[in-house]
Protein backbone atom coordinates (compact mmCIF):
# COMPACT_ATOMS: atom_id res chain seq x y z
CA PHE A 1 49.63 83.32 79.27
CA PHE A 2 52.74 82.08 78.77
CA ARG A 3 51.80 78.83 80.41
CA SER A 4 48.55 78.21 78.21
CA ASN A 5 50.07 79.33 74.94
CA MET A 6 53.22 76.57 75.48
CA SER A 7 50.96 73.88 76.52
CA ALA A 8 49.18 74.44 72.93
CA ILE A 9 51.93 74.36 71.64
CA LEU A 10 54.02 71.28 73.08
CA LYS A 11 50.27 69.82 72.12
CA ASN A 12 50.80 70.27 68.59
CA LEU A 13 54.10 69.31 68.36
CA THR A 14 53.46 66.03 70.09
CA ALA A 15 50.99 64.79 67.24
CA PRO A 16 52.16 61.45 65.57
CA MET A 17 53.60 62.53 62.20
CA ASP A 18 52.22 60.63 58.91
CA PHE A 19 53.92 58.19 56.24
CA GLU A 20 54.00 61.23 53.88
CA GLY A 21 55.54 63.78 56.40
CA GLN A 22 58.40 61.52 56.89
CA ARG A 23 58.60 61.46 53.19
CA LYS A 24 59.37 65.05 53.53
CA ALA A 25 61.33 65.02 56.43
CA GLU A 26 63.52 62.46 55.12
CA MET A 27 63.88 64.26 51.47
CA LEU A 28 65.05 67.73 53.77
CA ILE A 29 67.60 65.72 55.43
CA HIS A 30 69.15 64.43 51.99
CA ILE A 31 68.99 68.19 50.97
CA ILE A 32 70.48 69.74 54.00
CA ILE A 33 73.63 67.70 54.33
CA SER A 34 74.12 66.98 51.06
CA THR A 35 74.21 70.52 50.28
CA CYS A 36 76.29 71.46 53.74
CA GLY A 37 78.69 69.14 52.93
CA VAL A 38 79.23 70.16 49.44
CA VAL A 39 79.62 73.91 50.77
CA GLY A 40 81.84 72.58 53.56
CA ILE A 41 84.39 70.76 51.42
CA VAL A 42 84.61 74.25 48.91
CA PHE A 43 84.25 76.21 51.55
CA GLY A 44 87.34 74.42 53.28
CA TRP A 45 89.28 73.86 50.51
CA PHE A 46 89.57 77.52 49.51
CA GLN A 47 90.26 78.84 53.13
CA GLN A 48 92.98 76.09 53.55
CA GLU A 49 91.27 75.17 56.71
CA TYR A 50 89.72 71.76 57.49
CA SER A 51 88.08 72.42 60.52
CA LYS A 52 85.70 75.25 58.74
CA CYS A 53 84.79 72.72 56.66
CA ILE A 54 83.65 70.58 59.73
CA TYR A 55 81.74 73.56 61.06
CA THR A 56 79.91 74.13 58.29
CA ILE A 57 79.32 70.35 58.26
CA PHE A 58 77.89 70.55 61.99
CA ALA A 59 75.90 73.56 61.59
CA GLY A 60 74.10 72.12 58.49
CA MET A 61 73.20 68.82 60.94
CA PHE A 62 72.18 71.28 63.73
CA LEU A 63 69.82 73.14 61.30
CA CYS A 64 68.38 69.94 59.98
CA SER A 65 67.53 68.71 63.93
CA LEU A 66 65.89 71.86 64.31
CA LEU A 67 64.11 71.30 61.14
CA VAL A 68 62.92 67.56 61.39
CA VAL A 69 63.09 66.28 64.94
CA PRO A 70 59.90 68.22 66.03
CA ASN A 71 56.71 66.96 64.71
CA TRP A 72 56.06 70.30 63.11
CA PRO A 73 52.36 70.83 61.74
CA TYR A 74 53.81 70.70 57.70
CA TYR A 75 54.73 67.00 58.64
CA LYS A 76 51.13 66.16 59.62
CA GLY A 77 49.29 67.53 56.73
CA THR A 78 47.97 64.44 55.34
CA GLN A 79 45.26 61.88 56.72
CA MET A 80 45.36 58.26 56.15
CA LYS A 81 42.39 56.95 54.93
CA TRP A 82 41.79 53.28 56.30
CA VAL A 83 40.35 50.16 54.37
CA ASP A 84 36.35 49.72 54.95
CA ASP A 85 35.70 46.31 56.80
CA ALA A 86 32.88 45.71 54.29
CA LEU A 87 35.75 45.82 51.67
CA VAL A 88 37.72 43.31 53.61
CA ASP A 89 34.73 41.10 53.60
CA LYS A 90 34.36 41.18 49.99
CA TYR A 91 37.58 40.22 49.61
CA TRP A 92 37.73 37.10 51.61
CA ASP A 93 34.27 36.18 50.56
CA ALA A 94 35.68 36.32 46.90
CA LEU A 95 38.96 34.58 47.64
CA ALA A 96 36.46 31.68 49.61
CA GLU A 97 34.72 31.47 46.43
CA LYS A 98 37.40 30.47 44.44
CA GLU A 99 38.86 28.10 46.47
CA ASP A 100 35.79 26.79 46.71
CA GLY A 101 36.86 22.82 45.76
CA LYS A 102 39.64 22.88 48.36
CA GLU A 103 37.50 23.45 51.60
CA GLY A 104 33.60 22.36 52.30
CA LYS A 105 31.15 24.90 53.51
CA GLU A 106 31.30 23.84 56.63
CA GLU A 107 34.73 24.93 56.99
CA LYS A 108 34.00 28.10 55.08
CA GLU A 109 31.21 28.86 57.87
CA GLU A 110 33.92 28.97 60.64
CA GLU A 111 36.27 31.31 58.69
CA LYS A 112 34.10 33.87 58.11
CA LYS A 113 32.70 33.26 62.28
CA LYS A 114 35.99 33.46 62.89
CA ARG A 115 36.97 37.04 60.85
CA LYS A 116 33.68 38.53 62.07
CA LYS A 117 34.91 38.82 65.76
């Protein structure tokens, strides 16, 4: 039971993080580190102990690493939409029509064949 459950969890955590997940992770890093830095400085100031300031900042870094380093499902929610090949072909055809005076028809046909390969 434990092996099958653990393998399912590890398989879910190893999927790649998408761009939106990277943005969320970076924002979370900034919030946690900044908050723990300010709290640590204020706490250390009132306690008159520099070590408590450092411990608070390290605790924030540890919390941050627990929340951001594994690829949690929260960071993989947005599916990326790729550009359709037909749209790319239309773009290149329109670009070729604009540059009609610069190249001959033979060169354009060769370029189309190269793009399709």
